[in-house]
């Protein structure tokens, strides 16, 4: 990897692996959940049975792959091994390049979105540029169309347009959400919130995704509790308080 590409990659790696790893991990999980709103993706994930029977294991495998790519770099031996594995797993006719591009966009945009909303500070311009460099490099390595211009903001605009066209209710999406909210997200939340996992998890979804997954908006007290718990955790983790 040249020095010109190393600096932005390292900025993104530091954010997700060192500066705010828990927020990045929860953001990545929410990015994975977001794909359930697309019936074609939900059908593929539901068909494997892994998300229903072992949601933590499936999510862990996804996290290990993404964080491994971020940490080692796409040009490393480990990075090339992970990319080859991703290409092999997704070589099937019902996974189109557009669907893959959407999944990858979720994995890039959603961690940044969660850090912006719930981290002890917002994502910096350097980290945002890093995320864009990583996203474009991985898209190219996977043989996907070139991402939209405009950095993560441009990718997020493309995501919103895609979701407006493709989000829809499905039995597979609802089943995946139940398995994830009952088990996986409970393990990702601050301790006091874990027993309320399904309602708490629903508080982290926006209305278009809740509609696609058939999830009701949680009561105001739950939403207030979630916002307070995440703000308190962010304050505790702020370097200025340590």
Protein backbone atom coordinates (compact mmCIF):
# COMPACT_ATOMS: atom_id res chain seq x y z
CA UNK A 1 0.00 0.00 0.00
CA UNK A 2 1.40 3.40 -0.95
CA UNK A 3 1.80 6.24 1.54
CA UNK A 4 -0.96 8.10 -0.30
CA UNK A 5 -3.52 5.41 0.55
CA UNK A 6 -2.13 4.40 3.93
CA UNK A 7 -2.97 7.64 5.79
CA UNK A 8 -6.75 7.65 5.16
CA UNK A 9 -6.97 3.92 5.76
CA UNK A 10 -5.22 4.29 9.11
CA UNK A 11 -7.56 7.12 10.17
CA UNK A 12 -10.59 4.90 9.58
CA UNK A 13 -8.93 1.92 11.25
CA UNK A 14 -8.16 3.96 14.36
CA UNK A 15 -11.75 5.15 14.59
CA UNK A 16 -13.41 1.73 14.39
CA UNK A 17 -10.76 -0.36 16.13
CA UNK A 18 -9.38 1.98 18.80
CA UNK A 19 -11.23 5.27 19.29
CA UNK A 20 -14.85 4.06 19.28
CA UNK A 21 -14.90 0.30 18.72
CA UNK A 22 -18.16 -0.40 20.58
CA UNK A 23 -20.06 2.34 18.77
CA UNK A 24 -18.62 1.17 15.45
CA UNK A 25 -19.58 -2.43 16.19
CA UNK A 26 -23.16 -1.48 17.07
CA UNK A 27 -23.33 0.73 13.98
CA UNK A 28 -22.15 -2.18 11.85
CA UNK A 29 -24.80 -4.41 13.42
CA UNK A 30 -27.48 -1.82 12.62
CA UNK A 31 -26.14 -1.68 9.08
CA UNK A 32 -26.62 -5.43 8.81
CA UNK A 33 -30.15 -5.11 10.21
CA UNK A 34 -30.89 -2.42 7.63
CA UNK A 35 -30.47 -4.95 4.84
CA UNK A 36 -33.45 -6.91 6.21
CA UNK A 37 -35.71 -4.17 4.82
CA UNK A 38 -34.90 -5.31 1.27
CA UNK A 39 -36.96 -8.47 0.60
CA UNK A 40 -34.43 -9.96 -1.83
CA UNK A 41 -31.62 -9.69 0.73
CA UNK A 42 -33.84 -10.87 3.57
CA UNK A 43 -34.82 -13.92 1.52
CA UNK A 44 -31.15 -14.87 0.99
CA UNK A 45 -30.26 -14.41 4.67
CA UNK A 46 -33.36 -16.26 5.83
CA UNK A 47 -32.71 -19.12 3.43
CA UNK A 48 -29.32 -19.93 4.93
CA UNK A 49 -30.89 -20.38 8.39
CA UNK A 50 -27.77 -19.02 10.09
CA UNK A 51 -29.27 -15.69 11.17
CA UNK A 52 -32.28 -17.47 12.65
CA UNK A 53 -30.40 -20.24 14.47
CA UNK A 54 -27.19 -18.48 15.47
CA UNK A 55 -27.51 -14.71 14.96
CA UNK A 56 -24.53 -13.92 17.18
CA UNK A 57 -22.25 -16.28 15.28
CA UNK A 58 -23.37 -14.96 11.89
CA UNK A 59 -22.94 -11.35 13.00
CA UNK A 60 -19.56 -12.13 14.54
CA UNK A 61 -18.36 -13.62 11.25
CA UNK A 62 -19.45 -10.48 9.41
CA UNK A 63 -17.75 -8.25 11.98
CA UNK A 64 -14.54 -10.28 11.89
CA UNK A 65 -14.43 -9.99 8.10
CA UNK A 66 -15.10 -6.24 7.99
CA UNK A 67 -12.86 -5.31 10.91
CA UNK A 68 -10.18 -7.63 9.57
CA UNK A 69 -10.25 -5.81 6.24
CA UNK A 70 -10.15 -2.43 7.98
CA UNK A 71 -7.36 -3.44 10.33
CA UNK A 72 -5.10 -5.32 7.90
CA UNK A 73 -5.87 -3.33 4.76
CA UNK A 74 -7.20 -4.53 1.43
CA UNK A 75 -3.72 -5.01 -0.01
CA UNK A 76 -2.47 -7.24 2.79
CA UNK A 77 -2.34 -11.03 2.55
CA UNK A 78 -5.15 -11.30 5.12
CA UNK A 79 -7.17 -8.66 3.30
CA UNK A 80 -6.87 -10.50 0.00
CA UNK A 81 -7.89 -13.75 1.72
CA UNK A 82 -11.01 -12.13 3.20
CA UNK A 83 -11.95 -10.53 -0.13
CA UNK A 84 -11.61 -13.87 -1.89
CA UNK A 85 -13.88 -15.45 0.71
CA UNK A 86 -16.48 -12.71 0.33
CA UNK A 87 -16.48 -13.07 -3.44
CA UNK A 88 -16.92 -16.84 -3.15
CA UNK A 89 -19.77 -16.65 -0.62
CA UNK A 90 -21.70 -14.11 -2.68
CA UNK A 91 -21.30 -15.78 -6.08
CA UNK A 92 -24.94 -16.70 -6.60
CA UNK A 93 -27.50 -15.47 -9.14
CA UNK A 94 -29.89 -13.96 -6.57
CA UNK A 95 -27.18 -11.60 -5.22
CA UNK A 96 -26.88 -8.88 -7.86
CA UNK A 97 -24.11 -6.25 -7.93
CA UNK A 98 -26.65 -3.62 -6.88
CA UNK A 99 -27.67 -5.62 -3.81
CA UNK A 100 -24.03 -6.18 -2.89
CA UNK A 101 -23.33 -2.47 -3.35
CA UNK A 102 -26.19 -1.67 -0.97
CA UNK A 103 -24.92 -4.08 1.70
CA UNK A 104 -21.44 -2.61 1.46
CA UNK A 105 -22.87 0.92 1.68
CA UNK A 106 -24.70 -0.02 4.88
CA UNK A 107 -21.50 -1.40 6.38
CA UNK A 108 -19.68 1.85 5.62
CA UNK A 109 -22.33 4.49 6.30
CA UNK A 110 -24.11 3.05 9.35
CA UNK A 111 -21.08 2.89 11.69
CA UNK A 112 -20.28 6.53 10.83
CA UNK A 113 -23.91 7.49 11.35
CA UNK A 114 -24.00 5.84 14.77
CA UNK A 115 -20.73 7.45 15.89
CA UNK A 116 -22.02 10.86 14.78
CA UNK A 117 -25.24 10.38 16.73
CA UNK A 118 -24.03 8.55 19.84
CA UNK A 119 -20.24 8.76 20.10
CA UNK A 120 -18.35 11.11 22.41
CA UNK A 121 -17.55 13.19 19.31
CA UNK A 122 -18.55 13.35 15.66
CA UNK A 123 -16.59 11.68 12.88
CA UNK A 124 -13.79 13.94 11.63
CA UNK A 125 -13.26 14.94 8.01
CA UNK A 126 -10.13 12.79 7.89
CA UNK A 127 -12.05 9.74 9.19
CA UNK A 128 -14.85 10.38 6.71
CA UNK A 129 -12.34 10.55 3.85
CA UNK A 130 -10.80 7.34 5.21
CA UNK A 131 -14.14 5.56 5.17
CA UNK A 132 -14.70 6.67 1.59
CA UNK A 133 -11.24 5.43 0.53
CA UNK A 134 -11.90 2.06 2.19
CA UNK A 135 -15.38 1.80 0.67
CA UNK A 136 -14.13 2.52 -2.83
CA UNK A 137 -11.22 0.12 -2.47
CA UNK A 138 -13.44 -2.72 -1.27
CA UNK A 139 -16.02 -2.05 -3.99
CA UNK A 140 -13.28 -2.32 -6.58
CA UNK A 141 -11.83 -5.47 -4.99
CA UNK A 142 -15.27 -7.12 -5.09
CA UNK A 143 -15.84 -6.12 -8.71
CA UNK A 144 -18.77 -3.84 -7.88
CA UNK A 145 -19.79 -0.65 -9.71
CA UNK A 146 -17.94 2.49 -8.65
CA UNK A 147 -19.69 4.08 -5.64
CA UNK A 148 -21.41 7.46 -6.00
CA UNK A 149 -19.28 10.58 -5.72
CA UNK A 150 -19.48 12.88 -2.72
CA UNK A 151 -17.90 10.62 -0.10
CA UNK A 152 -20.04 8.89 2.54
CA UNK A 153 -22.69 11.63 2.16
CA UNK A 154 -23.04 10.77 -1.53
CA UNK A 155 -23.25 7.07 -0.71
CA UNK A 156 -25.88 7.80 1.94
CA UNK A 157 -27.98 9.73 -0.59
CA UNK A 158 -27.77 6.73 -2.93
CA UNK A 159 -28.82 4.47 -0.04
CA UNK A 160 -31.91 6.57 0.67
CA UNK A 161 -32.92 6.46 -2.98
CA UNK A 162 -32.35 2.68 -3.12
CA UNK A 163 -34.36 2.15 0.08
CA UNK A 164 -37.21 4.29 -1.25
CA UNK A 165 -37.43 1.93 -4.21
CA UNK A 166 -36.70 -1.39 -2.56
CA UNK A 167 -37.76 -1.37 1.10
CA UNK A 168 -40.90 -3.50 1.55
CA UNK A 169 -42.40 -5.80 4.20
CA UNK A 170 -41.52 -9.49 4.01
CA UNK A 171 -41.94 -12.54 6.23
CA UNK A 172 -38.21 -13.20 5.97
CA UNK A 173 -37.37 -9.67 7.11
CA UNK A 174 -39.69 -9.91 10.12
CA UNK A 175 -38.27 -13.29 11.14
CA UNK A 176 -34.70 -12.00 10.87
CA UNK A 177 -35.55 -8.95 12.95
CA UNK A 178 -37.07 -11.07 15.71
CA UNK A 179 -34.00 -13.31 15.90
CA UNK A 180 -31.67 -10.32 15.91
CA UNK A 181 -33.52 -8.12 18.39
CA UNK A 182 -34.11 -10.96 20.86
CA UNK A 183 -30.51 -12.14 20.92
CA UNK A 184 -27.81 -10.32 19.03
CA UNK A 185 -28.64 -6.70 19.86
CA UNK A 186 -29.05 -7.49 23.55
CA UNK A 187 -25.36 -8.39 23.60
CA UNK A 188 -24.43 -5.14 21.84
CA UNK A 189 -26.30 -2.77 24.16
CA UNK A 190 -25.18 -1.19 27.46
CA UNK A 191 -25.92 -3.57 30.36
CA UNK A 192 -28.95 -1.74 31.83
CA UNK A 193 -30.67 -1.77 28.43
CA UNK A 194 -30.09 -5.45 27.56
CA UNK A 195 -33.27 -6.82 29.24
CA UNK A 196 -35.35 -4.43 27.11
CA UNK A 197 -33.51 -5.42 23.93
CA UNK A 198 -36.43 -5.67 21.44
CA UNK A 199 -37.93 -2.30 22.43
CA UNK A 200 -34.53 -0.69 22.79
CA UNK A 201 -33.41 -2.03 19.42
CA UNK A 202 -36.58 -0.71 17.79
CA UNK A 203 -35.68 2.75 19.15
CA UNK A 204 -32.55 2.67 17.02
CA UNK A 205 -34.46 2.12 13.76
CA UNK A 206 -35.87 4.90 11.61
CA UNK A 207 -39.47 4.89 10.42
CA UNK A 208 -38.86 3.50 6.88
CA UNK A 209 -37.03 0.49 8.32
CA UNK A 210 -39.60 -0.03 11.08
CA UNK A 211 -42.33 -0.05 8.44
CA UNK A 212 -40.49 -2.62 6.32
CA UNK A 213 -39.88 -4.87 9.34
CA UNK A 214 -43.37 -4.43 10.82
CA UNK A 215 -41.95 -2.93 14.01
CA UNK A 216 -43.97 -0.48 16.10
CA UNK A 217 -42.38 2.71 17.35
CA UNK A 218 -41.49 2.14 21.03
CA UNK A 219 -43.22 4.22 23.70
CA UNK A 220 -41.75 7.63 24.51
CA UNK A 221 -40.32 6.51 27.91
CA UNK A 222 -38.30 3.76 26.22
CA UNK A 223 -36.99 6.14 23.55
CA UNK A 224 -36.03 8.63 26.27
CA UNK A 225 -34.26 5.92 28.29
CA UNK A 226 -32.29 4.78 25.25
CA UNK A 227 -31.21 8.31 24.35
CA UNK A 228 -30.18 9.00 27.96
CA UNK A 229 -28.20 5.75 28.29
CA UNK A 230 -26.31 6.34 25.06
CA UNK A 231 -25.55 9.98 25.96
CA UNK A 232 -24.32 8.93 29.39
CA UNK A 233 -22.06 6.25 27.93
CA UNK A 234 -20.65 8.74 25.42
CA UNK A 235 -19.85 11.23 28.22
CA UNK A 236 -18.11 8.52 30.27
CA UNK A 237 -15.96 7.57 27.29
CA UNK A 238 -15.01 11.11 26.37
CA UNK A 239 -11.22 11.62 26.74
CA UNK A 240 -11.88 14.95 28.48
CA UNK A 241 -13.47 13.07 31.39
CA UNK A 242 -10.69 10.50 31.78
